[in-house]
Amino acid sequence: MKKLIPSLAAVLLTLSAFSQSFVSPIGFVETEASKADVLAFIKKQVKDDYTKIGMNDPSTLRMMEEENLKAFKELITVTNIPLLKQVMKTYCDIGMCNYTTILMMYKQQNKDSNKSTQW
């Protein structure tokens, strides 16, 4: 029984590492635990996305992880929260739930919301 407990604990830790979920930048509180959650989500999401297209070499993965982290840090500073919520819902619902895409679309939609069609 004593040997089973450490093995079970190792399995649970491994499973929890693979079950990382999206961390919203809205209301993000910067603690060591929350930063670790963001990094775990980014690493898993990038690896999953780039493995699907055969680009899972270390250089590509690290580069895209860095881009996603940079985007997350920018997303925590945005001011149009209703628009950010809408963008996150739209892109997460279709499986494009990465911070780089969310930031890019947020910026474009925020810019376009201040425009009007002119003759």
PDB file of N, CA and C in Angstrom:
ATOM      1  N   MET A   1       0.824  -1.194   0.000  1.00  0.00           N
ATOM      2  CA  MET A   1       0.000   0.000   0.000  1.00  0.00           C
ATOM      3  C   MET A   1       0.869   1.260   0.000  1.00  0.00           C
ATOM      4  N   LYS A   2       1.986   1.229   0.757  1.00  0.00           N
ATOM      5  CA  LYS A   2       2.856   2.399   0.814  1.00  0.00           C
ATOM      6  C   LYS A   2       3.470   2.714  -0.544  1.00  0.00           C
ATOM      7  N   LYS A   3       3.737   1.677  -1.339  1.00  0.00           N
ATOM      8  CA  LYS A   3       4.295   1.900  -2.671  1.00  0.00           C
ATOM      9  C   LYS A   3       3.246   2.460  -3.621  1.00  0.00           C
ATOM     10  N   LEU A   4       1.994   2.151  -3.382  1.00  0.00           N
ATOM     11  CA  LEU A   4       0.909   2.593  -4.245  1.00  0.00           C
ATOM     12  C   LEU A   4       0.656   4.090  -4.107  1.00  0.00           C
ATOM     13  N   ILE A   5       0.780   4.631  -2.922  1.00  0.00           N
ATOM     14  CA  ILE A   5       0.480   6.042  -2.687  1.00  0.00           C
ATOM     15  C   ILE A   5       1.416   6.965  -3.475  1.00  0.00           C
ATOM     16  N   PRO A   6       2.746   6.784  -3.432  1.00  0.00           N
ATOM     17  CA  PRO A   6       3.602   7.653  -4.252  1.00  0.00           C
ATOM     18  C   PRO A   6       3.332   7.501  -5.754  1.00  0.00           C
ATOM     19  N   SER A   7       3.036   6.295  -6.191  1.00  0.00           N
ATOM     20  CA  SER A   7       2.737   6.079  -7.606  1.00  0.00           C
ATOM     21  C   SER A   7       1.455   6.794  -7.998  1.00  0.00           C
ATOM     22  N   LEU A   8       0.449   6.721  -7.158  1.00  0.00           N
ATOM     23  CA  LEU A   8      -0.822   7.394  -7.426  1.00  0.00           C
ATOM     24  C   LEU A   8      -0.618   8.906  -7.444  1.00  0.00           C
ATOM     25  N   ALA A   9       0.180   9.413  -6.529  1.00  0.00           N
ATOM     26  CA  ALA A   9       0.456  10.846  -6.485  1.00  0.00           C
ATOM     27  C   ALA A   9       1.163  11.295  -7.768  1.00  0.00           C
ATOM     28  N   ALA A  10       2.092  10.503  -8.251  1.00  0.00           N
ATOM     29  CA  ALA A  10       2.803  10.845  -9.489  1.00  0.00           C
ATOM     30  C   ALA A  10       1.849  10.866 -10.674  1.00  0.00           C
ATOM     31  N   VAL A  11       0.938   9.920 -10.724  1.00  0.00           N
ATOM     32  CA  VAL A  11      -0.046   9.879 -11.810  1.00  0.00           C
ATOM     33  C   VAL A  11      -0.952  11.106 -11.756  1.00  0.00           C
ATOM     34  N   LEU A  12      -1.411  11.457 -10.572  1.00  0.00           N
ATOM     35  CA  LEU A  12      -2.285  12.620 -10.435  1.00  0.00           C
ATOM     36  C   LEU A  12      -1.569  13.908 -10.822  1.00  0.00           C
ATOM     37  N   LEU A  13      -0.323  14.045 -10.446  1.00  0.00           N
ATOM     38  CA  LEU A  13       0.442  15.224 -10.833  1.00  0.00           C
ATOM     39  C   LEU A  13       0.620  15.292 -12.341  1.00  0.00           C
ATOM     40  N   THR A  14       0.889  14.162 -12.950  1.00  0.00           N
ATOM     41  CA  THR A  14       1.037  14.117 -14.401  1.00  0.00           C
ATOM     42  C   THR A  14      -0.268  14.488 -15.089  1.00  0.00           C
ATOM     43  N   LEU A  15      -1.377  13.943 -14.613  1.00  0.00           N
ATOM     44  CA  LEU A  15      -2.675  14.258 -15.209  1.00  0.00           C
ATOM     45  C   LEU A  15      -3.019  15.724 -15.040  1.00  0.00           C
ATOM     46  N   SER A  16      -2.720  16.304 -13.892  1.00  0.00           N
ATOM     47  CA  SER A  16      -3.042  17.709 -13.688  1.00  0.00           C
ATOM     48  C   SER A  16      -2.223  18.594 -14.618  1.00  0.00           C
ATOM     49  N   ALA A  17      -1.026  18.181 -14.955  1.00  0.00           N
ATOM     50  CA  ALA A  17      -0.204  18.959 -15.888  1.00  0.00           C
ATOM     51  C   ALA A  17      -0.803  18.947 -17.289  1.00  0.00           C
ATOM     52  N   PHE A  18      -1.498  17.885 -17.639  1.00  0.00           N
ATOM     53  CA  PHE A  18      -2.092  17.782 -18.970  1.00  0.00           C
ATOM     54  C   PHE A  18      -3.496  18.368 -19.041  1.00  0.00           C
ATOM     55  N   SER A  19      -4.066  18.722 -17.913  1.00  0.00           N
ATOM     56  CA  SER A  19      -5.430  19.226 -17.922  1.00  0.00           C
ATOM     57  C   SER A  19      -5.463  20.730 -17.742  1.00  0.00           C
ATOM     58  N   GLN A  20      -4.438  21.424 -18.184  1.00  0.00           N
ATOM     59  CA  GLN A  20      -4.384  22.870 -18.042  1.00  0.00           C
ATOM     60  C   GLN A  20      -5.463  23.499 -18.902  1.00  0.00           C
ATOM     61  N   SER A  21      -6.128  24.479 -18.339  1.00  0.00           N
ATOM     62  CA  SER A  21      -7.189  25.138 -19.078  1.00  0.00           C
ATOM     63  C   SER A  21      -6.853  26.615 -19.281  1.00  0.00           C
ATOM     64  N   PHE A  22      -7.579  27.208 -20.187  1.00  0.00           N
ATOM     65  CA  PHE A  22      -7.403  28.602 -20.554  1.00  0.00           C
ATOM     66  C   PHE A  22      -7.472  29.484 -19.312  1.00  0.00           C
ATOM     67  N   VAL A  23      -6.534  30.415 -19.200  1.00  0.00           N
ATOM     68  CA  VAL A  23      -6.517  31.382 -18.104  1.00  0.00           C
ATOM     69  C   VAL A  23      -6.905  32.727 -18.697  1.00  0.00           C
ATOM     70  N   SER A  24      -8.007  33.272 -18.212  1.00  0.00           N
ATOM     71  CA  SER A  24      -8.463  34.553 -18.732  1.00  0.00           C
ATOM     72  C   SER A  24      -7.544  35.678 -18.283  1.00  0.00           C
ATOM     73  N   PRO A  25      -7.216  36.584 -19.205  1.00  0.00           N
ATOM     74  CA  PRO A  25      -6.423  37.752 -18.814  1.00  0.00           C
ATOM     75  C   PRO A  25      -7.258  38.789 -18.059  1.00  0.00           C
ATOM     76  N   ILE A  26      -8.586  38.669 -18.135  1.00  0.00           N
ATOM     77  CA  ILE A  26      -9.475  39.615 -17.456  1.00  0.00           C
ATOM     78  C   ILE A  26      -9.408  39.357 -15.955  1.00  0.00           C
ATOM     79  N   GLY A  27      -9.041  40.386 -15.222  1.00  0.00           N
ATOM     80  CA  GLY A  27      -8.953  40.271 -13.776  1.00  0.00           C
ATOM     81  C   GLY A  27      -7.790  39.416 -13.291  1.00  0.00           C
ATOM     82  N   PHE A  28      -6.826  39.184 -14.142  1.00  0.00           N
ATOM     83  CA  PHE A  28      -5.685  38.345 -13.782  1.00  0.00           C
ATOM     84  C   PHE A  28      -4.947  38.943 -12.594  1.00  0.00           C
ATOM     85  N   VAL A  29      -4.721  38.118 -11.593  1.00  0.00           N
ATOM     86  CA  VAL A  29      -3.951  38.516 -10.417  1.00  0.00           C
ATOM     87  C   VAL A  29      -2.609  37.798 -10.503  1.00  0.00           C
ATOM     88  N   GLU A  30      -1.553  38.585 -10.528  1.00  0.00           N
ATOM     89  CA  GLU A  30      -0.217  38.032 -10.753  1.00  0.00           C
ATOM     90  C   GLU A  30       0.358  37.437  -9.471  1.00  0.00           C
ATOM     91  N   THR A  31       0.246  36.126  -9.361  1.00  0.00           N
ATOM     92  CA  THR A  31       0.893  35.379  -8.283  1.00  0.00           C
ATOM     93  C   THR A  31       1.764  34.324  -8.943  1.00  0.00           C
ATOM     94  N   GLU A  32       2.630  33.713  -8.176  1.00  0.00           N
ATOM     95  CA  GLU A  32       3.474  32.660  -8.743  1.00  0.00           C
ATOM     96  C   GLU A  32       2.608  31.518  -9.277  1.00  0.00           C
ATOM     97  N   ALA A  33       1.555  31.186  -8.555  1.00  0.00           N
ATOM     98  CA  ALA A  33       0.673  30.096  -8.987  1.00  0.00           C
ATOM     99  C   ALA A  33      -0.072  30.455 -10.274  1.00  0.00           C
ATOM    100  N   SER A  34      -0.591  31.689 -10.362  1.00  0.00           N
ATOM    101  CA  SER A  34      -1.330  32.063 -11.568  1.00  0.00           C
ATOM    102  C   SER A  34      -0.398  32.198 -12.771  1.00  0.00           C
ATOM    103  N   LYS A  35       0.825  32.679 -12.553  1.00  0.00           N
ATOM    104  CA  LYS A  35       1.795  32.747 -13.651  1.00  0.00           C
ATOM    105  C   LYS A  35       2.151  31.336 -14.123  1.00  0.00           C
ATOM    106  N   ALA A  36       2.273  30.404 -13.189  1.00  0.00           N
ATOM    107  CA  ALA A  36       2.559  29.009 -13.556  1.00  0.00           C
ATOM    108  C   ALA A  36       1.406  28.420 -14.358  1.00  0.00           C
ATOM    109  N   ASP A  37       0.160  28.766 -13.992  1.00  0.00           N
ATOM    110  CA  ASP A  37      -1.002  28.281 -14.737  1.00  0.00           C
ATOM    111  C   ASP A  37      -0.994  28.795 -16.177  1.00  0.00           C
ATOM    112  N   VAL A  38      -0.677  30.074 -16.337  1.00  0.00           N
ATOM    113  CA  VAL A  38      -0.617  30.663 -17.684  1.00  0.00           C
ATOM    114  C   VAL A  38       0.456  29.962 -18.510  1.00  0.00           C
ATOM    115  N   LEU A  39       1.638  29.795 -17.931  1.00  0.00           N
ATOM    116  CA  LEU A  39       2.727  29.134 -18.670  1.00  0.00           C
ATOM    117  C   LEU A  39       2.367  27.700 -19.023  1.00  0.00           C
ATOM    118  N   ALA A  40       1.728  26.988 -18.106  1.00  0.00           N
ATOM    119  CA  ALA A  40       1.347  25.598 -18.383  1.00  0.00           C
ATOM    120  C   ALA A  40       0.331  25.545 -19.528  1.00  0.00           C
ATOM    121  N   PHE A  41      -0.642  26.467 -19.521  1.00  0.00           N
ATOM    122  CA  PHE A  41      -1.620  26.489 -20.612  1.00  0.00           C
ATOM    123  C   PHE A  41      -0.930  26.797 -21.938  1.00  0.00           C
ATOM    124  N   ILE A  42      -0.075  27.814 -21.940  1.00  0.00           N
ATOM    125  CA  ILE A  42       0.608  28.209 -23.178  1.00  0.00           C
ATOM    126  C   ILE A  42       1.439  27.055 -23.725  1.00  0.00           C
ATOM    127  N   LYS A  43       2.221  26.421 -22.878  1.00  0.00           N
ATOM    128  CA  LYS A  43       3.079  25.324 -23.346  1.00  0.00           C
ATOM    129  C   LYS A  43       2.258  24.188 -23.941  1.00  0.00           C
ATOM    130  N   LYS A  44       1.173  23.822 -23.279  1.00  0.00           N
ATOM    131  CA  LYS A  44       0.344  22.724 -23.779  1.00  0.00           C
ATOM    132  C   LYS A  44      -0.349  23.119 -25.081  1.00  0.00           C
ATOM    133  N   GLN A  45      -0.924  24.299 -25.109  1.00  0.00           N
ATOM    134  CA  GLN A  45      -1.665  24.758 -26.284  1.00  0.00           C
ATOM    135  C   GLN A  45      -0.748  24.871 -27.494  1.00  0.00           C
ATOM    136  N   VAL A  46       0.436  25.458 -27.307  1.00  0.00           N
ATOM    137  CA  VAL A  46       1.385  25.611 -28.413  1.00  0.00           C
ATOM    138  C   VAL A  46       1.848  24.237 -28.896  1.00  0.00           C
ATOM    139  N   LYS A  47       2.198  23.369 -27.967  1.00  0.00           N
ATOM    140  CA  LYS A  47       2.657  22.034 -28.369  1.00  0.00           C
ATOM    141  C   LYS A  47       1.562  21.288 -29.129  1.00  0.00           C
ATOM    142  N   ASP A  48       0.340  21.328 -28.625  1.00  0.00           N
ATOM    143  CA  ASP A  48      -0.769  20.650 -29.303  1.00  0.00           C
ATOM    144  C   ASP A  48      -0.985  21.213 -30.708  1.00  0.00           C
ATOM    145  N   ASP A  49      -1.055  22.547 -30.815  1.00  0.00           N
ATOM    146  CA  ASP A  49      -1.323  23.183 -32.109  1.00  0.00           C
ATOM    147  C   ASP A  49      -0.217  22.909 -33.118  1.00  0.00           C
ATOM    148  N   TYR A  50       1.021  23.025 -32.713  1.00  0.00           N
ATOM    149  CA  TYR A  50       2.126  22.889 -33.655  1.00  0.00           C
ATOM    150  C   TYR A  50       2.493  21.433 -33.947  1.00  0.00           C
ATOM    151  N   THR A  51       2.162  20.541 -33.035  1.00  0.00           N
ATOM    152  CA  THR A  51       2.357  19.117 -33.315  1.00  0.00           C
ATOM    153  C   THR A  51       1.404  18.670 -34.419  1.00  0.00           C
ATOM    154  N   LYS A  52       0.186  19.203 -34.417  1.00  0.00           N
ATOM    155  CA  LYS A  52      -0.818  18.853 -35.433  1.00  0.00           C
ATOM    156  C   LYS A  52      -0.335  19.171 -36.840  1.00  0.00           C
ATOM    157  N   ILE A  53       0.494  20.202 -36.973  1.00  0.00           N
ATOM    158  CA  ILE A  53       0.953  20.593 -38.310  1.00  0.00           C
ATOM    159  C   ILE A  53       2.414  20.215 -38.558  1.00  0.00           C
ATOM    160  N   GLY A  54       2.968  19.386 -37.677  1.00  0.00           N
ATOM    161  CA  GLY A  54       4.313  18.876 -37.879  1.00  0.00           C
ATOM    162  C   GLY A  54       5.426  19.879 -37.630  1.00  0.00           C
ATOM    163  N   MET A  55       5.147  20.902 -36.851  1.00  0.00           N
ATOM    164  CA  MET A  55       6.162  21.922 -36.569  1.00  0.00           C
ATOM    165  C   MET A  55       6.460  21.977 -35.071  1.00  0.00           C
ATOM    166  N   ASN A  56       6.722  20.826 -34.487  1.00  0.00           N
ATOM    167  CA  ASN A  56       6.917  20.765 -33.043  1.00  0.00           C
ATOM    168  C   ASN A  56       8.398  20.695 -32.646  1.00  0.00           C
ATOM    169  N   ASP A  57       9.254  21.334 -33.447  1.00  0.00           N
ATOM    170  CA  ASP A  57      10.668  21.388 -33.087  1.00  0.00           C
ATOM    171  C   ASP A  57      10.837  22.402 -31.948  1.00  0.00           C
ATOM    172  N   PRO A  58      11.862  22.240 -31.127  1.00  0.00           N
ATOM    173  CA  PRO A  58      12.046  23.104 -29.967  1.00  0.00           C
ATOM    174  C   PRO A  58      12.107  24.605 -30.292  1.00  0.00           C
ATOM    175  N   SER A  59      12.750  24.973 -31.384  1.00  0.00           N
ATOM    176  CA  SER A  59      12.856  26.397 -31.724  1.00  0.00           C
ATOM    177  C   SER A  59      11.497  27.016 -31.997  1.00  0.00           C
ATOM    178  N   THR A  60      10.690  26.325 -32.791  1.00  0.00           N
ATOM    179  CA  THR A  60       9.357  26.838 -33.108  1.00  0.00           C
ATOM    180  C   THR A  60       8.494  26.900 -31.856  1.00  0.00           C
ATOM    181  N   LEU A  61       8.543  25.846 -31.043  1.00  0.00           N
ATOM    182  CA  LEU A  61       7.722  25.823 -29.832  1.00  0.00           C
ATOM    183  C   LEU A  61       8.095  26.962 -28.886  1.00  0.00           C
ATOM    184  N   ARG A  62       9.398  27.165 -28.647  1.00  0.00           N
ATOM    185  CA  ARG A  62       9.803  28.235 -27.724  1.00  0.00           C
ATOM    186  C   ARG A  62       9.418  29.606 -28.275  1.00  0.00           C
ATOM    187  N   MET A  63       9.603  29.803 -29.581  1.00  0.00           N
ATOM    188  CA  MET A  63       9.265  31.081 -30.196  1.00  0.00           C
ATOM    189  C   MET A  63       7.773  31.381 -30.037  1.00  0.00           C
ATOM    190  N   MET A  64       6.935  30.391 -30.293  1.00  0.00           N
ATOM    191  CA  MET A  64       5.494  30.602 -30.205  1.00  0.00           C
ATOM    192  C   MET A  64       5.028  30.721 -28.749  1.00  0.00           C
ATOM    193  N   GLU A  65       5.682  30.009 -27.849  1.00  0.00           N
ATOM    194  CA  GLU A  65       5.374  30.180 -26.428  1.00  0.00           C
ATOM    195  C   GLU A  65       5.666  31.614 -25.992  1.00  0.00           C
ATOM    196  N   GLU A  66       6.816  32.127 -26.422  1.00  0.00           N
ATOM    197  CA  GLU A  66       7.187  33.508 -26.075  1.00  0.00           C
ATOM    198  C   GLU A  66       6.185  34.512 -26.647  1.00  0.00           C
ATOM    199  N   GLU A  67       5.752  34.290 -27.883  1.00  0.00           N
ATOM    200  CA  GLU A  67       4.779  35.193 -28.506  1.00  0.00           C
ATOM    201  C   GLU A  67       3.453  35.166 -27.746  1.00  0.00           C
ATOM    202  N   ASN A  68       3.025  33.978 -27.330  1.00  0.00           N
ATOM    203  CA  ASN A  68       1.781  33.867 -26.569  1.00  0.00           C
ATOM    204  C   ASN A  68       1.908  34.523 -25.198  1.00  0.00           C
ATOM    205  N   LEU A  69       3.033  34.367 -24.547  1.00  0.00           N
ATOM    206  CA  LEU A  69       3.237  34.997 -23.247  1.00  0.00           C
ATOM    207  C   LEU A  69       3.252  36.522 -23.383  1.00  0.00           C
ATOM    208  N   LYS A  70       3.931  37.012 -24.402  1.00  0.00           N
ATOM    209  CA  LYS A  70       3.961  38.452 -24.662  1.00  0.00           C
ATOM    210  C   LYS A  70       2.537  38.976 -24.910  1.00  0.00           C
ATOM    211  N   ALA A  71       1.752  38.230 -25.677  1.00  0.00           N
ATOM    212  CA  ALA A  71       0.371  38.628 -25.955  1.00  0.00           C
ATOM    213  C   ALA A  71      -0.460  38.620 -24.672  1.00  0.00           C
ATOM    214  N   PHE A  72      -0.279  37.602 -23.836  1.00  0.00           N
ATOM    215  CA  PHE A  72      -1.029  37.542 -22.575  1.00  0.00           C
ATOM    216  C   PHE A  72      -0.719  38.775 -21.722  1.00  0.00           C
ATOM    217  N   LYS A  73       0.551  39.114 -21.623  1.00  0.00           N
ATOM    218  CA  LYS A  73       0.944  40.271 -20.814  1.00  0.00           C
ATOM    219  C   LYS A  73       0.310  41.557 -21.344  1.00  0.00           C
ATOM    220  N   GLU A  74       0.155  41.663 -22.644  1.00  0.00           N
ATOM    221  CA  GLU A  74      -0.507  42.833 -23.218  1.00  0.00           C
ATOM    222  C   GLU A  74      -2.020  42.771 -22.981  1.00  0.00           C
ATOM    223  N   LEU A  75      -2.589  41.575 -23.066  1.00  0.00           N
ATOM    224  CA  LEU A  75      -4.035  41.432 -22.861  1.00  0.00           C
ATOM    225  C   LEU A  75      -4.469  41.815 -21.450  1.00  0.00           C
ATOM    226  N   ILE A  76      -3.608  41.631 -20.455  1.00  0.00           N
ATOM    227  CA  ILE A  76      -4.022  41.977 -19.094  1.00  0.00           C
ATOM    228  C   ILE A  76      -4.107  43.485 -18.888  1.00  0.00           C
ATOM    229  N   THR A  77      -3.657  44.258 -19.871  1.00  0.00           N
ATOM    230  CA  THR A  77      -3.692  45.719 -19.751  1.00  0.00           C
ATOM    231  C   THR A  77      -4.791  46.369 -20.595  1.00  0.00           C
ATOM    232  N   VAL A  78      -5.542  45.602 -21.372  1.00  0.00           N
ATOM    233  CA  VAL A  78      -6.535  46.216 -22.258  1.00  0.00           C
ATOM    234  C   VAL A  78      -7.659  46.850 -21.435  1.00  0.00           C
ATOM    235  N   THR A  79      -8.330  47.812 -22.045  1.00  0.00           N
ATOM    236  CA  THR A  79      -9.356  48.560 -21.325  1.00  0.00           C
ATOM    237  C   THR A  79     -10.779  48.245 -21.778  1.00  0.00           C
ATOM    238  N   ASN A  80     -10.947  47.772 -22.990  1.00  0.00           N
ATOM    239  CA  ASN A  80     -12.285  47.473 -23.493  1.00  0.00           C
ATOM    240  C   ASN A  80     -12.628  46.018 -23.142  1.00  0.00           C
ATOM    241  N   ILE A  81     -12.997  45.797 -21.894  1.00  0.00           N
ATOM    242  CA  ILE A  81     -13.240  44.447 -21.386  1.00  0.00           C
ATOM    243  C   ILE A  81     -14.423  43.759 -22.080  1.00  0.00           C
ATOM    244  N   PRO A  82     -15.540  44.455 -22.330  1.00  0.00           N
ATOM    245  CA  PRO A  82     -16.636  43.775 -23.044  1.00  0.00           C
ATOM    246  C   PRO A  82     -16.196  43.244 -24.416  1.00  0.00           C
ATOM    247  N   LEU A  83     -15.408  44.032 -25.137  1.00  0.00           N
ATOM    248  CA  LEU A  83     -14.911  43.576 -26.440  1.00  0.00           C
ATOM    249  C   LEU A  83     -13.975  42.391 -26.266  1.00  0.00           C
ATOM    250  N   LEU A  84     -13.094  42.444 -25.280  1.00  0.00           N
ATOM    251  CA  LEU A  84     -12.174  41.324 -25.044  1.00  0.00           C
ATOM    252  C   LEU A  84     -12.950  40.050 -24.717  1.00  0.00           C
ATOM    253  N   LYS A  85     -13.982  40.153 -23.914  1.00  0.00           N
ATOM    254  CA  LYS A  85     -14.807  38.979 -23.593  1.00  0.00           C
ATOM    255  C   LYS A  85     -15.415  38.393 -24.859  1.00  0.00           C
ATOM    256  N   GLN A  86     -15.918  39.270 -25.722  1.00  0.00           N
ATOM    257  CA  GLN A  86     -16.536  38.821 -26.980  1.00  0.00           C
ATOM    258  C   GLN A  86     -15.503  38.125 -27.868  1.00  0.00           C
ATOM    259  N   VAL A  87     -14.330  38.703 -27.989  1.00  0.00           N
ATOM    260  CA  VAL A  87     -13.271  38.126 -28.828  1.00  0.00           C
ATOM    261  C   VAL A  87     -12.842  36.774 -28.274  1.00  0.00           C
ATOM    262  N   MET A  88     -12.660  36.695 -26.963  1.00  0.00           N
ATOM    263  CA  MET A  88     -12.250  35.418 -26.356  1.00  0.00           C
ATOM    264  C   MET A  88     -13.308  34.352 -26.608  1.00  0.00           C
ATOM    265  N   LYS A  89     -14.572  34.690 -26.432  1.00  0.00           N
ATOM    266  CA  LYS A  89     -15.633  33.709 -26.655  1.00  0.00           C
ATOM    267  C   LYS A  89     -15.635  33.251 -28.104  1.00  0.00           C
ATOM    268  N   THR A  90     -15.572  34.195 -29.014  1.00  0.00           N
ATOM    269  CA  THR A  90     -15.607  33.866 -30.439  1.00  0.00           C
ATOM    270  C   THR A  90     -14.485  32.908 -30.822  1.00  0.00           C
ATOM    271  N   TYR A  91     -13.268  33.243 -30.457  1.00  0.00           N
ATOM    272  CA  TYR A  91     -12.119  32.455 -30.907  1.00  0.00           C
ATOM    273  C   TYR A  91     -11.899  31.188 -30.081  1.00  0.00           C
ATOM    274  N   CYS A  92     -12.246  31.210 -28.822  1.00  0.00           N
ATOM    275  CA  CYS A  92     -12.134  29.974 -28.035  1.00  0.00           C
ATOM    276  C   CYS A  92     -13.196  28.966 -28.461  1.00  0.00           C
ATOM    277  N   ASP A  93     -14.376  29.469 -28.826  1.00  0.00           N
ATOM    278  CA  ASP A  93     -15.447  28.567 -29.267  1.00  0.00           C
ATOM    279  C   ASP A  93     -15.105  27.827 -30.554  1.00  0.00           C
ATOM    280  N   ILE A  94     -14.232  28.394 -31.375  1.00  0.00           N
ATOM    281  CA  ILE A  94     -13.883  27.729 -32.637  1.00  0.00           C
ATOM    282  C   ILE A  94     -12.507  27.064 -32.584  1.00  0.00           C
ATOM    283  N   GLY A  95     -11.942  26.945 -31.374  1.00  0.00           N
ATOM    284  CA  GLY A  95     -10.690  26.221 -31.218  1.00  0.00           C
ATOM    285  C   GLY A  95      -9.436  27.029 -31.500  1.00  0.00           C
ATOM    286  N   MET A  96      -9.568  28.344 -31.527  1.00  0.00           N
ATOM    287  CA  MET A  96      -8.398  29.203 -31.754  1.00  0.00           C
ATOM    288  C   MET A  96      -8.120  30.007 -30.488  1.00  0.00           C
ATOM    289  N   CYS A  97      -8.061  29.300 -29.382  1.00  0.00           N
ATOM    290  CA  CYS A  97      -7.977  29.925 -28.067  1.00  0.00           C
ATOM    291  C   CYS A  97      -6.511  30.096 -27.649  1.00  0.00           C
ATOM    292  N   ASN A  98      -5.807  30.933 -28.390  1.00  0.00           N
ATOM    293  CA  ASN A  98      -4.437  31.259 -27.991  1.00  0.00           C
ATOM    294  C   ASN A  98      -4.342  32.771 -27.862  1.00  0.00           C
ATOM    295  N   TYR A  99      -3.463  33.201 -27.006  1.00  0.00           N
ATOM    296  CA  TYR A  99      -3.390  34.617 -26.665  1.00  0.00           C
ATOM    297  C   TYR A  99      -2.940  35.480 -27.839  1.00  0.00           C
ATOM    298  N   THR A 100      -2.130  34.943 -28.716  1.00  0.00           N
ATOM    299  CA  THR A 100      -1.673  35.708 -29.872  1.00  0.00           C
ATOM    300  C   THR A 100      -2.844  36.054 -30.787  1.00  0.00           C
ATOM    301  N   THR A 101      -3.674  35.067 -31.094  1.00  0.00           N
ATOM    302  CA  THR A 101      -4.843  35.301 -31.944  1.00  0.00           C
ATOM    303  C   THR A 101      -5.824  36.240 -31.259  1.00  0.00           C
ATOM    304  N   ILE A 102      -6.066  36.013 -29.982  1.00  0.00           N
ATOM    305  CA  ILE A 102      -7.017  36.856 -29.247  1.00  0.00           C
ATOM    306  C   ILE A 102      -6.549  38.304 -29.251  1.00  0.00           C
ATOM    307  N   LEU A 103      -5.267  38.538 -28.997  1.00  0.00           N
ATOM    308  CA  LEU A 103      -4.753  39.908 -28.992  1.00  0.00           C
ATOM    309  C   LEU A 103      -4.861  40.536 -30.377  1.00  0.00           C
ATOM    310  N   MET A 104      -4.479  39.810 -31.396  1.00  0.00           N
ATOM    311  CA  MET A 104      -4.535  40.341 -32.757  1.00  0.00           C
ATOM    312  C   MET A 104      -5.967  40.744 -33.124  1.00  0.00           C
ATOM    313  N   MET A 105      -6.922  39.876 -32.821  1.00  0.00           N
ATOM    314  CA  MET A 105      -8.315  40.165 -33.177  1.00  0.00           C
ATOM    315  C   MET A 105      -8.904  41.257 -32.284  1.00  0.00           C
ATOM    316  N   TYR A 106      -8.515  41.284 -31.033  1.00  0.00           N
ATOM    317  CA  TYR A 106      -8.968  42.355 -30.140  1.00  0.00           C
ATOM    318  C   TYR A 106      -8.508  43.712 -30.681  1.00  0.00           C
ATOM    319  N   LYS A 107      -7.230  43.805 -31.036  1.00  0.00           N
ATOM    320  CA  LYS A 107      -6.698  45.071 -31.555  1.00  0.00           C
ATOM    321  C   LYS A 107      -7.434  45.516 -32.816  1.00  0.00           C
ATOM    322  N   GLN A 108      -7.656  44.561 -33.723  1.00  0.00           N
ATOM    323  CA  GLN A 108      -8.324  44.902 -34.973  1.00  0.00           C
ATOM    324  C   GLN A 108      -9.772  45.328 -34.725  1.00  0.00           C
ATOM    325  N   GLN A 109     -10.481  44.577 -33.892  1.00  0.00           N
ATOM    326  CA  GLN A 109     -11.878  44.928 -33.624  1.00  0.00           C
ATOM    327  C   GLN A 109     -11.986  46.224 -32.834  1.00  0.00           C
ATOM    328  N   ASN A 110     -11.073  46.462 -31.923  1.00  0.00           N
ATOM    329  CA  ASN A 110     -11.082  47.710 -31.161  1.00  0.00           C
ATOM    330  C   ASN A 110     -10.846  48.898 -32.093  1.00  0.00           C
ATOM    331  N   LYS A 111      -9.916  48.746 -33.015  1.00  0.00           N
ATOM    332  CA  LYS A 111      -9.630  49.792 -34.012  1.00  0.00           C
ATOM    333  C   LYS A 111     -10.847  50.018 -34.901  1.00  0.00           C
ATOM    334  N   ASP A 112     -11.440  48.922 -35.385  1.00  0.00           N
ATOM    335  CA  ASP A 112     -12.576  49.041 -36.298  1.00  0.00           C
ATOM    336  C   ASP A 112     -13.828  49.577 -35.610  1.00  0.00           C
ATOM    337  N   SER A 113     -13.930  49.418 -34.298  1.00  0.00           N
ATOM    338  CA  SER A 113     -15.110  49.916 -33.595  1.00  0.00           C
ATOM    339  C   SER A 113     -15.140  51.432 -33.568  1.00  0.00           C
ATOM    340  N   ASN A 114     -14.013  52.060 -33.856  1.00  0.00           N
ATOM    341  CA  ASN A 114     -13.943  53.529 -33.888  1.00  0.00           C
ATOM    342  C   ASN A 114     -14.068  54.083 -35.299  1.00  0.00           C
ATOM    343  N   LYS A 115     -14.316  53.219 -36.247  1.00  0.00           N
ATOM    344  CA  LYS A 115     -14.461  53.637 -37.645  1.00  0.00           C
ATOM    345  C   LYS A 115     -15.938  53.608 -38.041  1.00  0.00           C
ATOM    346  N   SER A 116     -16.232  54.304 -39.109  1.00  0.00           N
ATOM    347  CA  SER A 116     -17.555  54.174 -39.708  1.00  0.00           C
ATOM    348  C   SER A 116     -17.387  54.176 -41.225  1.00  0.00           C
ATOM    349  N   THR A 117     -18.300  53.541 -41.878  1.00  0.00           N
ATOM    350  CA  THR A 117     -18.244  53.466 -43.327  1.00  0.00           C
ATOM    351  C   THR A 117     -18.616  54.837 -43.907  1.00  0.00           C
ATOM    352  N   GLN A 118     -17.793  55.313 -44.784  1.00  0.00           N
ATOM    353  CA  GLN A 118     -18.000  56.633 -45.396  1.00  0.00           C
ATOM    354  C   GLN A 118     -18.156  56.468 -46.909  1.00  0.00           C
ATOM    355  N   TRP A 119     -18.830  57.403 -47.504  1.00  0.00           N
ATOM    356  CA  TRP A 119     -18.986  57.389 -48.969  1.00  0.00           C
ATOM    357  C   TRP A 119     -17.727  57.861 -49.619  1.00  0.00           C
TER     358      TRP A 119
END
